[in-house]
Amino acid sequence: MQNNQRRASVMSNDIEAGIIEETGKGYKFQYNDNYLKNGHPISVSLPLRPEPYESDILFNFFEGLLPEGWYLDVVSSKLKIDKNDLFGILLSTCKDTAGAVSILEIK
């Protein structure tokens, strides 16, 4: 993994469900082995499985956690993050979401 690739723990009800990370080709999400034994899918679009999910764009579920429209403009300006840096915005804004899933950057 290169230094410029970012990673985050995906928490479901304060339990680590898996890891999402940037890759050279886009993004990868993988459930933790322990979570697979007793957890519930974080999304219907990401059912439990041991194999990683890979995509060249940010997974729809995670993109759905992000601000949109004019609010995205305000947030990206305030945080000084390019509004096209969806992963950066995910890391900065989804530590404490209204739902069960939160995103905690791994530094």
PDB file of N, CA and C in Angstrom:
ATOM      1  N   MET A   1       0.846  -1.191   0.000  1.00  0.00           N
ATOM      2  CA  MET A   1       0.000   0.000   0.000  1.00  0.00           C
ATOM      3  C   MET A   1       0.880   1.240   0.000  1.00  0.00           C
ATOM      4  N   GLN A   2       0.559   2.185  -0.849  1.00  0.00           N
ATOM      5  CA  GLN A   2       1.306   3.435  -0.918  1.00  0.00           C
ATOM      6  C   GLN A   2       0.844   4.369   0.190  1.00  0.00           C
ATOM      7  N   ASN A   3       1.720   5.310   0.539  1.00  0.00           N
ATOM      8  CA  ASN A   3       1.398   6.237   1.617  1.00  0.00           C
ATOM      9  C   ASN A   3       0.204   7.118   1.315  1.00  0.00           C
ATOM     10  N   ASN A   4      -0.071   7.393   0.041  1.00  0.00           N
ATOM     11  CA  ASN A   4      -1.171   8.302  -0.282  1.00  0.00           C
ATOM     12  C   ASN A   4      -2.523   7.593  -0.310  1.00  0.00           C
ATOM     13  N   GLN A   5      -2.536   6.298  -0.091  1.00  0.00           N
ATOM     14  CA  GLN A   5      -3.803   5.579  -0.055  1.00  0.00           C
ATOM     15  C   GLN A   5      -4.335   5.584   1.370  1.00  0.00           C
ATOM     16  N   ARG A   6      -5.588   5.954   1.510  1.00  0.00           N
ATOM     17  CA  ARG A   6      -6.185   6.112   2.825  1.00  0.00           C
ATOM     18  C   ARG A   6      -7.055   4.909   3.165  1.00  0.00           C
ATOM     19  N   ARG A   7      -7.212   4.654   4.472  1.00  0.00           N
ATOM     20  CA  ARG A   7      -8.000   3.536   4.967  1.00  0.00           C
ATOM     21  C   ARG A   7      -8.873   4.008   6.119  1.00  0.00           C
ATOM     22  N   ALA A   8      -9.971   3.279   6.331  1.00  0.00           N
ATOM     23  CA  ALA A   8     -10.848   3.607   7.449  1.00  0.00           C
ATOM     24  C   ALA A   8     -11.555   2.363   7.952  1.00  0.00           C
ATOM     25  N   SER A   9     -11.799   2.355   9.257  1.00  0.00           N
ATOM     26  CA  SER A   9     -12.632   1.320   9.860  1.00  0.00           C
ATOM     27  C   SER A   9     -14.086   1.690   9.610  1.00  0.00           C
ATOM     28  N   VAL A  10     -14.860   0.708   9.199  1.00  0.00           N
ATOM     29  CA  VAL A  10     -16.291   0.895   9.031  1.00  0.00           C
ATOM     30  C   VAL A  10     -16.949   0.287  10.263  1.00  0.00           C
ATOM     31  N   MET A  11     -17.547   1.149  11.056  1.00  0.00           N
ATOM     32  CA  MET A  11     -18.153   0.726  12.314  1.00  0.00           C
ATOM     33  C   MET A  11     -19.662   0.582  12.143  1.00  0.00           C
ATOM     34  N   SER A  12     -20.200  -0.496  12.698  1.00  0.00           N
ATOM     35  CA  SER A  12     -21.648  -0.709  12.701  1.00  0.00           C
ATOM     36  C   SER A  12     -22.076  -0.879  14.151  1.00  0.00           C
ATOM     37  N   ASN A  13     -22.844   0.074  14.654  1.00  0.00           N
ATOM     38  CA  ASN A  13     -23.238   0.066  16.065  1.00  0.00           C
ATOM     39  C   ASN A  13     -22.022  -0.108  16.979  1.00  0.00           C
ATOM     40  N   ASP A  14     -20.979   0.654  16.706  1.00  0.00           N
ATOM     41  CA  ASP A  14     -19.744   0.695  17.499  1.00  0.00           C
ATOM     42  C   ASP A  14     -18.918  -0.598  17.457  1.00  0.00           C
ATOM     43  N   ILE A  15     -19.198  -1.476  16.496  1.00  0.00           N
ATOM     44  CA  ILE A  15     -18.418  -2.694  16.277  1.00  0.00           C
ATOM     45  C   ILE A  15     -17.777  -2.578  14.903  1.00  0.00           C
ATOM     46  N   GLU A  16     -16.483  -2.880  14.813  1.00  0.00           N
ATOM     47  CA  GLU A  16     -15.824  -2.780  13.523  1.00  0.00           C
ATOM     48  C   GLU A  16     -16.349  -3.871  12.590  1.00  0.00           C
ATOM     49  N   ALA A  17     -17.024  -3.436  11.530  1.00  0.00           N
ATOM     50  CA  ALA A  17     -17.574  -4.364  10.542  1.00  0.00           C
ATOM     51  C   ALA A  17     -16.540  -4.717   9.487  1.00  0.00           C
ATOM     52  N   GLY A  18     -15.690  -3.762   9.143  1.00  0.00           N
ATOM     53  CA  GLY A  18     -14.705  -4.005   8.099  1.00  0.00           C
ATOM     54  C   GLY A  18     -13.841  -2.794   7.853  1.00  0.00           C
ATOM     55  N   ILE A  19     -13.121  -2.869   6.741  1.00  0.00           N
ATOM     56  CA  ILE A  19     -12.193  -1.804   6.347  1.00  0.00           C
ATOM     57  C   ILE A  19     -12.527  -1.360   4.929  1.00  0.00           C
ATOM     58  N   ILE A  20     -12.579  -0.040   4.738  1.00  0.00           N
ATOM     59  CA  ILE A  20     -12.679   0.519   3.396  1.00  0.00           C
ATOM     60  C   ILE A  20     -11.367   1.233   3.113  1.00  0.00           C
ATOM     61  N   GLU A  21     -10.886   1.088   1.895  1.00  0.00           N
ATOM     62  CA  GLU A  21      -9.616   1.726   1.549  1.00  0.00           C
ATOM     63  C   GLU A  21      -9.569   2.098   0.083  1.00  0.00           C
ATOM     64  N   GLU A  22      -8.700   3.078  -0.182  1.00  0.00           N
ATOM     65  CA  GLU A  22      -8.389   3.427  -1.565  1.00  0.00           C
ATOM     66  C   GLU A  22      -7.384   2.405  -2.087  1.00  0.00           C
ATOM     67  N   THR A  23      -7.517   2.088  -3.353  1.00  0.00           N
ATOM     68  CA  THR A  23      -6.553   1.203  -4.005  1.00  0.00           C
ATOM     69  C   THR A  23      -6.032   1.920  -5.247  1.00  0.00           C
ATOM     70  N   GLY A  24      -5.096   1.315  -5.926  1.00  0.00           N
ATOM     71  CA  GLY A  24      -4.600   1.893  -7.168  1.00  0.00           C
ATOM     72  C   GLY A  24      -5.661   1.951  -8.254  1.00  0.00           C
ATOM     73  N   LYS A  25      -6.719   1.145  -8.095  1.00  0.00           N
ATOM     74  CA  LYS A  25      -7.788   1.078  -9.103  1.00  0.00           C
ATOM     75  C   LYS A  25      -9.105   1.659  -8.621  1.00  0.00           C
ATOM     76  N   GLY A  26      -9.164   2.156  -7.400  1.00  0.00           N
ATOM     77  CA  GLY A  26     -10.412   2.699  -6.880  1.00  0.00           C
ATOM     78  C   GLY A  26     -10.562   2.447  -5.390  1.00  0.00           C
ATOM     79  N   TYR A  27     -11.497   1.550  -5.029  1.00  0.00           N
ATOM     80  CA  TYR A  27     -11.819   1.330  -3.625  1.00  0.00           C
ATOM     81  C   TYR A  27     -12.027  -0.148  -3.346  1.00  0.00           C
ATOM     82  N   LYS A  28     -11.784  -0.513  -2.077  1.00  0.00           N
ATOM     83  CA  LYS A  28     -12.012  -1.882  -1.639  1.00  0.00           C
ATOM     84  C   LYS A  28     -12.663  -1.835  -0.271  1.00  0.00           C
ATOM     85  N   PHE A  29     -13.683  -2.649  -0.077  1.00  0.00           N
ATOM     86  CA  PHE A  29     -14.293  -2.828   1.243  1.00  0.00           C
ATOM     87  C   PHE A  29     -14.295  -4.307   1.550  1.00  0.00           C
ATOM     88  N   GLN A  30     -13.883  -4.654   2.779  1.00  0.00           N
ATOM     89  CA  GLN A  30     -13.889  -6.054   3.187  1.00  0.00           C
ATOM     90  C   GLN A  30     -14.367  -6.159   4.629  1.00  0.00           C
ATOM     91  N   TYR A  31     -15.307  -7.076   4.838  1.00  0.00           N
ATOM     92  CA  TYR A  31     -15.779  -7.350   6.194  1.00  0.00           C
ATOM     93  C   TYR A  31     -14.685  -8.047   6.992  1.00  0.00           C
ATOM     94  N   ASN A  32     -14.634  -7.782   8.296  1.00  0.00           N
ATOM     95  CA  ASN A  32     -13.728  -8.485   9.203  1.00  0.00           C
ATOM     96  C   ASN A  32     -14.242  -9.905   9.412  1.00  0.00           C
ATOM     97  N   ASP A  33     -13.322 -10.832   9.605  1.00  0.00           N
ATOM     98  CA  ASP A  33     -13.698 -12.232   9.825  1.00  0.00           C
ATOM     99  C   ASP A  33     -14.624 -12.386  11.030  1.00  0.00           C
ATOM    100  N   ASN A  34     -14.310 -11.719  12.134  1.00  0.00           N
ATOM    101  CA  ASN A  34     -15.155 -11.829  13.328  1.00  0.00           C
ATOM    102  C   ASN A  34     -16.546 -11.274  13.094  1.00  0.00           C
ATOM    103  N   TYR A  35     -16.631 -10.190  12.348  1.00  0.00           N
ATOM    104  CA  TYR A  35     -17.937  -9.581  12.066  1.00  0.00           C
ATOM    105  C   TYR A  35     -18.779 -10.512  11.191  1.00  0.00           C
ATOM    106  N   LEU A  36     -18.147 -11.227  10.291  1.00  0.00           N
ATOM    107  CA  LEU A  36     -18.874 -12.152   9.416  1.00  0.00           C
ATOM    108  C   LEU A  36     -19.601 -13.231  10.208  1.00  0.00           C
ATOM    109  N   LYS A  37     -19.076 -13.604  11.369  1.00  0.00           N
ATOM    110  CA  LYS A  37     -19.668 -14.678  12.176  1.00  0.00           C
ATOM    111  C   LYS A  37     -20.976 -14.266  12.826  1.00  0.00           C
ATOM    112  N   ASN A  38     -21.082 -13.007  13.251  1.00  0.00           N
ATOM    113  CA  ASN A  38     -22.239 -12.588  14.043  1.00  0.00           C
ATOM    114  C   ASN A  38     -22.897 -11.290  13.593  1.00  0.00           C
ATOM    115  N   GLY A  39     -22.311 -10.625  12.609  1.00  0.00           N
ATOM    116  CA  GLY A  39     -22.801  -9.306  12.218  1.00  0.00           C
ATOM    117  C   GLY A  39     -23.926  -9.351  11.209  1.00  0.00           C
ATOM    118  N   HIS A  40     -24.405  -8.180  10.888  1.00  0.00           N
ATOM    119  CA  HIS A  40     -25.438  -7.991   9.868  1.00  0.00           C
ATOM    120  C   HIS A  40     -24.847  -7.125   8.763  1.00  0.00           C
ATOM    121  N   PRO A  41     -25.280  -7.319   7.532  1.00  0.00           N
ATOM    122  CA  PRO A  41     -24.753  -6.477   6.443  1.00  0.00           C
ATOM    123  C   PRO A  41     -24.946  -4.997   6.762  1.00  0.00           C
ATOM    124  N   ILE A  42     -23.965  -4.198   6.393  1.00  0.00           N
ATOM    125  CA  ILE A  42     -24.108  -2.756   6.607  1.00  0.00           C
ATOM    126  C   ILE A  42     -25.064  -2.161   5.580  1.00  0.00           C
ATOM    127  N   SER A  43     -25.304  -2.900   4.503  1.00  0.00           N
ATOM    128  CA  SER A  43     -26.178  -2.432   3.419  1.00  0.00           C
ATOM    129  C   SER A  43     -26.657  -3.640   2.627  1.00  0.00           C
ATOM    130  N   VAL A  44     -27.844  -3.525   2.038  1.00  0.00           N
ATOM    131  CA  VAL A  44     -28.313  -4.608   1.165  1.00  0.00           C
ATOM    132  C   VAL A  44     -27.432  -4.722  -0.067  1.00  0.00           C
ATOM    133  N   SER A  45     -26.752  -3.648  -0.420  1.00  0.00           N
ATOM    134  CA  SER A  45     -25.859  -3.688  -1.583  1.00  0.00           C
ATOM    135  C   SER A  45     -24.482  -4.277  -1.251  1.00  0.00           C
ATOM    136  N   LEU A  46     -24.230  -4.520   0.040  1.00  0.00           N
ATOM    137  CA  LEU A  46     -22.964  -5.105   0.484  1.00  0.00           C
ATOM    138  C   LEU A  46     -23.254  -6.273   1.433  1.00  0.00           C
ATOM    139  N   PRO A  47     -23.847  -7.355   0.908  1.00  0.00           N
ATOM    140  CA  PRO A  47     -24.163  -8.489   1.779  1.00  0.00           C
ATOM    141  C   PRO A  47     -22.894  -9.100   2.371  1.00  0.00           C
ATOM    142  N   LEU A  48     -23.063  -9.787   3.497  1.00  0.00           N
ATOM    143  CA  LEU A  48     -21.918 -10.416   4.147  1.00  0.00           C
ATOM    144  C   LEU A  48     -21.277 -11.437   3.217  1.00  0.00           C
ATOM    145  N   ARG A  49     -19.966 -11.361   3.107  1.00  0.00           N
ATOM    146  CA  ARG A  49     -19.175 -12.355   2.375  1.00  0.00           C
ATOM    147  C   ARG A  49     -17.712 -12.153   2.739  1.00  0.00           C
ATOM    148  N   PRO A  50     -16.924 -13.223   2.689  1.00  0.00           N
ATOM    149  CA  PRO A  50     -15.518 -13.077   3.070  1.00  0.00           C
ATOM    150  C   PRO A  50     -14.669 -12.388   2.007  1.00  0.00           C
ATOM    151  N   GLU A  51     -15.083 -12.453   0.742  1.00  0.00           N
ATOM    152  CA  GLU A  51     -14.312 -11.819  -0.328  1.00  0.00           C
ATOM    153  C   GLU A  51     -14.491 -10.303  -0.291  1.00  0.00           C
ATOM    154  N   PRO A  52     -13.440  -9.574  -0.647  1.00  0.00           N
ATOM    155  CA  PRO A  52     -13.570  -8.112  -0.673  1.00  0.00           C
ATOM    156  C   PRO A  52     -14.451  -7.639  -1.825  1.00  0.00           C
ATOM    157  N   TYR A  53     -15.068  -6.506  -1.616  1.00  0.00           N
ATOM    158  CA  TYR A  53     -15.781  -5.796  -2.681  1.00  0.00           C
ATOM    159  C   TYR A  53     -14.796  -4.802  -3.266  1.00  0.00           C
ATOM    160  N   GLU A  54     -14.738  -4.704  -4.578  1.00  0.00           N
ATOM    161  CA  GLU A  54     -13.845  -3.749  -5.228  1.00  0.00           C
ATOM    162  C   GLU A  54     -14.629  -2.967  -6.273  1.00  0.00           C
ATOM    163  N   SER A  55     -14.283  -1.685  -6.415  1.00  0.00           N
ATOM    164  CA  SER A  55     -14.986  -0.815  -7.348  1.00  0.00           C
ATOM    165  C   SER A  55     -14.054   0.307  -7.796  1.00  0.00           C
ATOM    166  N   ASP A  56     -14.247   0.774  -9.019  1.00  0.00           N
ATOM    167  CA  ASP A  56     -13.453   1.907  -9.481  1.00  0.00           C
ATOM    168  C   ASP A  56     -14.042   3.232  -9.022  1.00  0.00           C
ATOM    169  N   ILE A  57     -15.260   3.212  -8.494  1.00  0.00           N
ATOM    170  CA  ILE A  57     -15.881   4.407  -7.904  1.00  0.00           C
ATOM    171  C   ILE A  57     -16.276   4.090  -6.466  1.00  0.00           C
ATOM    172  N   LEU A  58     -16.477   5.120  -5.664  1.00  0.00           N
ATOM    173  CA  LEU A  58     -16.884   4.915  -4.279  1.00  0.00           C
ATOM    174  C   LEU A  58     -18.218   4.178  -4.257  1.00  0.00           C
ATOM    175  N   PHE A  59     -18.311   3.149  -3.446  1.00  0.00           N
ATOM    176  CA  PHE A  59     -19.532   2.345  -3.352  1.00  0.00           C
ATOM    177  C   PHE A  59     -20.735   3.234  -3.055  1.00  0.00           C
ATOM    178  N   ASN A  60     -21.854   2.927  -3.690  1.00  0.00           N
ATOM    179  CA  ASN A  60     -23.066   3.739  -3.536  1.00  0.00           C
ATOM    180  C   ASN A  60     -23.469   3.918  -2.082  1.00  0.00           C
ATOM    181  N   PHE A  61     -23.352   2.873  -1.285  1.00  0.00           N
ATOM    182  CA  PHE A  61     -23.734   2.981   0.124  1.00  0.00           C
ATOM    183  C   PHE A  61     -22.940   4.081   0.819  1.00  0.00           C
ATOM    184  N   PHE A  62     -21.621   4.088   0.616  1.00  0.00           N
ATOM    185  CA  PHE A  62     -20.780   5.083   1.281  1.00  0.00           C
ATOM    186  C   PHE A  62     -21.006   6.479   0.705  1.00  0.00           C
ATOM    187  N   GLU A  63     -21.212   6.564  -0.588  1.00  0.00           N
ATOM    188  CA  GLU A  63     -21.502   7.867  -1.198  1.00  0.00           C
ATOM    189  C   GLU A  63     -22.803   8.436  -0.649  1.00  0.00           C
ATOM    190  N   GLY A  64     -23.747   7.548  -0.322  1.00  0.00           N
ATOM    191  CA  GLY A  64     -25.024   7.987   0.244  1.00  0.00           C
ATOM    192  C   GLY A  64     -24.898   8.608   1.627  1.00  0.00           C
ATOM    193  N   LEU A  65     -23.783   8.394   2.304  1.00  0.00           N
ATOM    194  CA  LEU A  65     -23.547   9.012   3.614  1.00  0.00           C
ATOM    195  C   LEU A  65     -23.077  10.456   3.510  1.00  0.00           C
ATOM    196  N   LEU A  66     -22.694  10.881   2.302  1.00  0.00           N
ATOM    197  CA  LEU A  66     -22.071  12.189   2.098  1.00  0.00           C
ATOM    198  C   LEU A  66     -23.087  13.309   1.895  1.00  0.00           C
ATOM    199  N   PRO A  67     -22.687  14.533   2.232  1.00  0.00           N
ATOM    200  CA  PRO A  67     -23.537  15.683   1.923  1.00  0.00           C
ATOM    201  C   PRO A  67     -23.656  15.848   0.405  1.00  0.00           C
ATOM    202  N   GLU A  68     -24.739  16.505  -0.007  1.00  0.00           N
ATOM    203  CA  GLU A  68     -24.993  16.701  -1.443  1.00  0.00           C
ATOM    204  C   GLU A  68     -25.276  18.170  -1.741  1.00  0.00           C
ATOM    205  N   GLY A  69     -25.244  18.487  -3.024  1.00  0.00           N
ATOM    206  CA  GLY A  69     -25.660  19.800  -3.514  1.00  0.00           C
ATOM    207  C   GLY A  69     -24.926  20.945  -2.866  1.00  0.00           C
ATOM    208  N   TRP A  70     -25.680  21.984  -2.518  1.00  0.00           N
ATOM    209  CA  TRP A  70     -25.083  23.181  -1.939  1.00  0.00           C
ATOM    210  C   TRP A  70     -24.393  22.877  -0.615  1.00  0.00           C
ATOM    211  N   TYR A  71     -24.923  21.891   0.137  1.00  0.00           N
ATOM    212  CA  TYR A  71     -24.310  21.563   1.421  1.00  0.00           C
ATOM    213  C   TYR A  71     -22.927  20.931   1.217  1.00  0.00           C
ATOM    214  N   LEU A  72     -22.753  20.147   0.164  1.00  0.00           N
ATOM    215  CA  LEU A  72     -21.440  19.605  -0.182  1.00  0.00           C
ATOM    216  C   LEU A  72     -20.462  20.748  -0.462  1.00  0.00           C
ATOM    217  N   ASP A  73     -20.929  21.770  -1.179  1.00  0.00           N
ATOM    218  CA  ASP A  73     -20.088  22.939  -1.452  1.00  0.00           C
ATOM    219  C   ASP A  73     -19.644  23.615  -0.155  1.00  0.00           C
ATOM    220  N   VAL A  74     -20.577  23.779   0.779  1.00  0.00           N
ATOM    221  CA  VAL A  74     -20.267  24.425   2.058  1.00  0.00           C
ATOM    222  C   VAL A  74     -19.274  23.580   2.854  1.00  0.00           C
ATOM    223  N   VAL A  75     -19.543  22.275   2.946  1.00  0.00           N
ATOM    224  CA  VAL A  75     -18.689  21.380   3.726  1.00  0.00           C
ATOM    225  C   VAL A  75     -17.285  21.319   3.130  1.00  0.00           C
ATOM    226  N   SER A  76     -17.199  21.142   1.829  1.00  0.00           N
ATOM    227  CA  SER A  76     -15.873  21.031   1.212  1.00  0.00           C
ATOM    228  C   SER A  76     -15.086  22.330   1.367  1.00  0.00           C
ATOM    229  N   SER A  77     -15.762  23.461   1.272  1.00  0.00           N
ATOM    230  CA  SER A  77     -15.098  24.752   1.461  1.00  0.00           C
ATOM    231  C   SER A  77     -14.621  24.905   2.907  1.00  0.00           C
ATOM    232  N   LYS A  78     -15.488  24.603   3.838  1.00  0.00           N
ATOM    233  CA  LYS A  78     -15.161  24.737   5.262  1.00  0.00           C
ATOM    234  C   LYS A  78     -14.001  23.820   5.667  1.00  0.00           C
ATOM    235  N   LEU A  79     -14.013  22.570   5.161  1.00  0.00           N
ATOM    236  CA  LEU A  79     -12.972  21.607   5.515  1.00  0.00           C
ATOM    237  C   LEU A  79     -11.736  21.700   4.630  1.00  0.00           C
ATOM    238  N   LYS A  80     -11.824  22.551   3.604  1.00  0.00           N
ATOM    239  CA  LYS A  80     -10.737  22.711   2.632  1.00  0.00           C
ATOM    240  C   LYS A  80     -10.375  21.383   1.967  1.00  0.00           C
ATOM    241  N   ILE A  81     -11.435  20.671   1.530  1.00  0.00           N
ATOM    242  CA  ILE A  81     -11.295  19.409   0.810  1.00  0.00           C
ATOM    243  C   ILE A  81     -11.983  19.579  -0.539  1.00  0.00           C
ATOM    244  N   ASP A  82     -11.307  19.200  -1.596  1.00  0.00           N
ATOM    245  CA  ASP A  82     -11.906  19.254  -2.933  1.00  0.00           C
ATOM    246  C   ASP A  82     -13.212  18.471  -2.922  1.00  0.00           C
ATOM    247  N   LYS A  83     -14.288  19.057  -3.433  1.00  0.00           N
ATOM    248  CA  LYS A  83     -15.588  18.383  -3.388  1.00  0.00           C
ATOM    249  C   LYS A  83     -15.617  17.113  -4.235  1.00  0.00           C
ATOM    250  N   ASN A  84     -14.623  16.908  -5.080  1.00  0.00           N
ATOM    251  CA  ASN A  84     -14.518  15.664  -5.845  1.00  0.00           C
ATOM    252  C   ASN A  84     -13.743  14.580  -5.088  1.00  0.00           C
ATOM    253  N   ASP A  85     -13.162  14.934  -3.953  1.00  0.00           N
ATOM    254  CA  ASP A  85     -12.453  13.974  -3.109  1.00  0.00           C
ATOM    255  C   ASP A  85     -13.470  13.329  -2.161  1.00  0.00           C
ATOM    256  N   LEU A  86     -14.272  12.435  -2.725  1.00  0.00           N
ATOM    257  CA  LEU A  86     -15.351  11.830  -1.950  1.00  0.00           C
ATOM    258  C   LEU A  86     -14.829  11.042  -0.757  1.00  0.00           C
ATOM    259  N   PHE A  87     -13.711  10.356  -0.921  1.00  0.00           N
ATOM    260  CA  PHE A  87     -13.166   9.577   0.189  1.00  0.00           C
ATOM    261  C   PHE A  87     -12.692  10.503   1.306  1.00  0.00           C
ATOM    262  N   GLY A  88     -12.064  11.609   0.944  1.00  0.00           N
ATOM    263  CA  GLY A  88     -11.644  12.587   1.944  1.00  0.00           C
ATOM    264  C   GLY A  88     -12.821  13.174   2.707  1.00  0.00           C
ATOM    265  N   ILE A  89     -13.896  13.440   2.006  1.00  0.00           N
ATOM    266  CA  ILE A  89     -15.093  13.966   2.661  1.00  0.00           C
ATOM    267  C   ILE A  89     -15.716  12.891   3.544  1.00  0.00           C
ATOM    268  N   LEU A  90     -15.727  11.645   3.084  1.00  0.00           N
ATOM    269  CA  LEU A  90     -16.226  10.525   3.885  1.00  0.00           C
ATOM    270  C   LEU A  90     -15.454  10.429   5.198  1.00  0.00           C
ATOM    271  N   LEU A  91     -14.133  10.495   5.111  1.00  0.00           N
ATOM    272  CA  LEU A  91     -13.297  10.405   6.310  1.00  0.00           C
ATOM    273  C   LEU A  91     -13.529  11.565   7.264  1.00  0.00           C
ATOM    274  N   SER A  92     -13.798  12.744   6.718  1.00  0.00           N
ATOM    275  CA  SER A  92     -13.939  13.952   7.538  1.00  0.00           C
ATOM    276  C   SER A  92     -15.329  14.157   8.114  1.00  0.00           C
ATOM    277  N   THR A  93     -16.348  13.587   7.476  1.00  0.00           N
ATOM    278  CA  THR A  93     -17.719  13.919   7.896  1.00  0.00           C
ATOM    279  C   THR A  93     -18.514  12.748   8.456  1.00  0.00           C
ATOM    280  N   CYS A  94     -17.989  11.539   8.393  1.00  0.00           N
ATOM    281  CA  CYS A  94     -18.812  10.373   8.761  1.00  0.00           C
ATOM    282  C   CYS A  94     -18.327   9.663  10.017  1.00  0.00           C
ATOM    283  N   LYS A  95     -17.658  10.405  10.894  1.00  0.00           N
ATOM    284  CA  LYS A  95     -17.231   9.823  12.172  1.00  0.00           C
ATOM    285  C   LYS A  95     -18.429   9.591  13.089  1.00  0.00           C
ATOM    286  N   ASP A  96     -19.450  10.405  12.933  1.00  0.00           N
ATOM    287  CA  ASP A  96     -20.635  10.319  13.793  1.00  0.00           C
ATOM    288  C   ASP A  96     -21.860  10.604  12.932  1.00  0.00           C
ATOM    289  N   THR A  97     -22.394   9.555  12.335  1.00  0.00           N
ATOM    290  CA  THR A  97     -23.539   9.718  11.448  1.00  0.00           C
ATOM    291  C   THR A  97     -24.846   9.534  12.208  1.00  0.00           C
ATOM    292  N   ALA A  98     -25.948   9.856  11.575  1.00  0.00           N
ATOM    293  CA  ALA A  98     -27.264   9.679  12.187  1.00  0.00           C
ATOM    294  C   ALA A  98     -27.662   8.207  12.240  1.00  0.00           C
ATOM    295  N   GLY A  99     -27.063   7.374  11.393  1.00  0.00           N
ATOM    296  CA  GLY A  99     -27.404   5.966  11.340  1.00  0.00           C
ATOM    297  C   GLY A  99     -26.459   5.099  12.154  1.00  0.00           C
ATOM    298  N   ALA A 100     -26.511   3.804  11.890  1.00  0.00           N
ATOM    299  CA  ALA A 100     -25.718   2.828  12.636  1.00  0.00           C
ATOM    300  C   ALA A 100     -24.269   2.777  12.183  1.00  0.00           C
ATOM    301  N   VAL A 101     -23.969   3.245  10.980  1.00  0.00           N
ATOM    302  CA  VAL A 101     -22.629   3.109  10.410  1.00  0.00           C
ATOM    303  C   VAL A 101     -21.850   4.410  10.563  1.00  0.00           C
ATOM    304  N   SER A 102     -20.614   4.278  11.010  1.00  0.00           N
ATOM    305  CA  SER A 102     -19.710   5.429  11.062  1.00  0.00           C
ATOM    306  C   SER A 102     -18.360   5.011  10.482  1.00  0.00           C
ATOM    307  N   ILE A 103     -17.587   6.006  10.072  1.00  0.00           N
ATOM    308  CA  ILE A 103     -16.322   5.788   9.397  1.00  0.00           C
ATOM    309  C   ILE A 103     -15.215   6.451  10.210  1.00  0.00           C
ATOM    310  N   LEU A 104     -14.206   5.649  10.595  1.00  0.00           N
ATOM    311  CA  LEU A 104     -13.107   6.173  11.412  1.00  0.00           C
ATOM    312  C   LEU A 104     -11.790   5.968  10.673  1.00  0.00           C
ATOM    313  N   GLU A 105     -11.149   7.067  10.309  1.00  0.00           N
ATOM    314  CA  GLU A 105      -9.901   6.986   9.559  1.00  0.00           C
ATOM    315  C   GLU A 105      -8.829   6.237  10.326  1.00  0.00           C
ATOM    316  N   ILE A 106      -8.102   5.389   9.601  1.00  0.00           N
ATOM    317  CA  ILE A 106      -6.934   4.696  10.156  1.00  0.00           C
ATOM    318  C   ILE A 106      -5.719   5.492   9.708  1.00  0.00           C
ATOM    319  N   LYS A 107      -4.978   6.018  10.642  1.00  0.00           N
ATOM    320  CA  LYS A 107      -3.819   6.854  10.311  1.00  0.00           C
ATOM    321  C   LYS A 107      -2.543   6.080  10.428  1.00  0.00           C
TER     322      LYS A 107
END
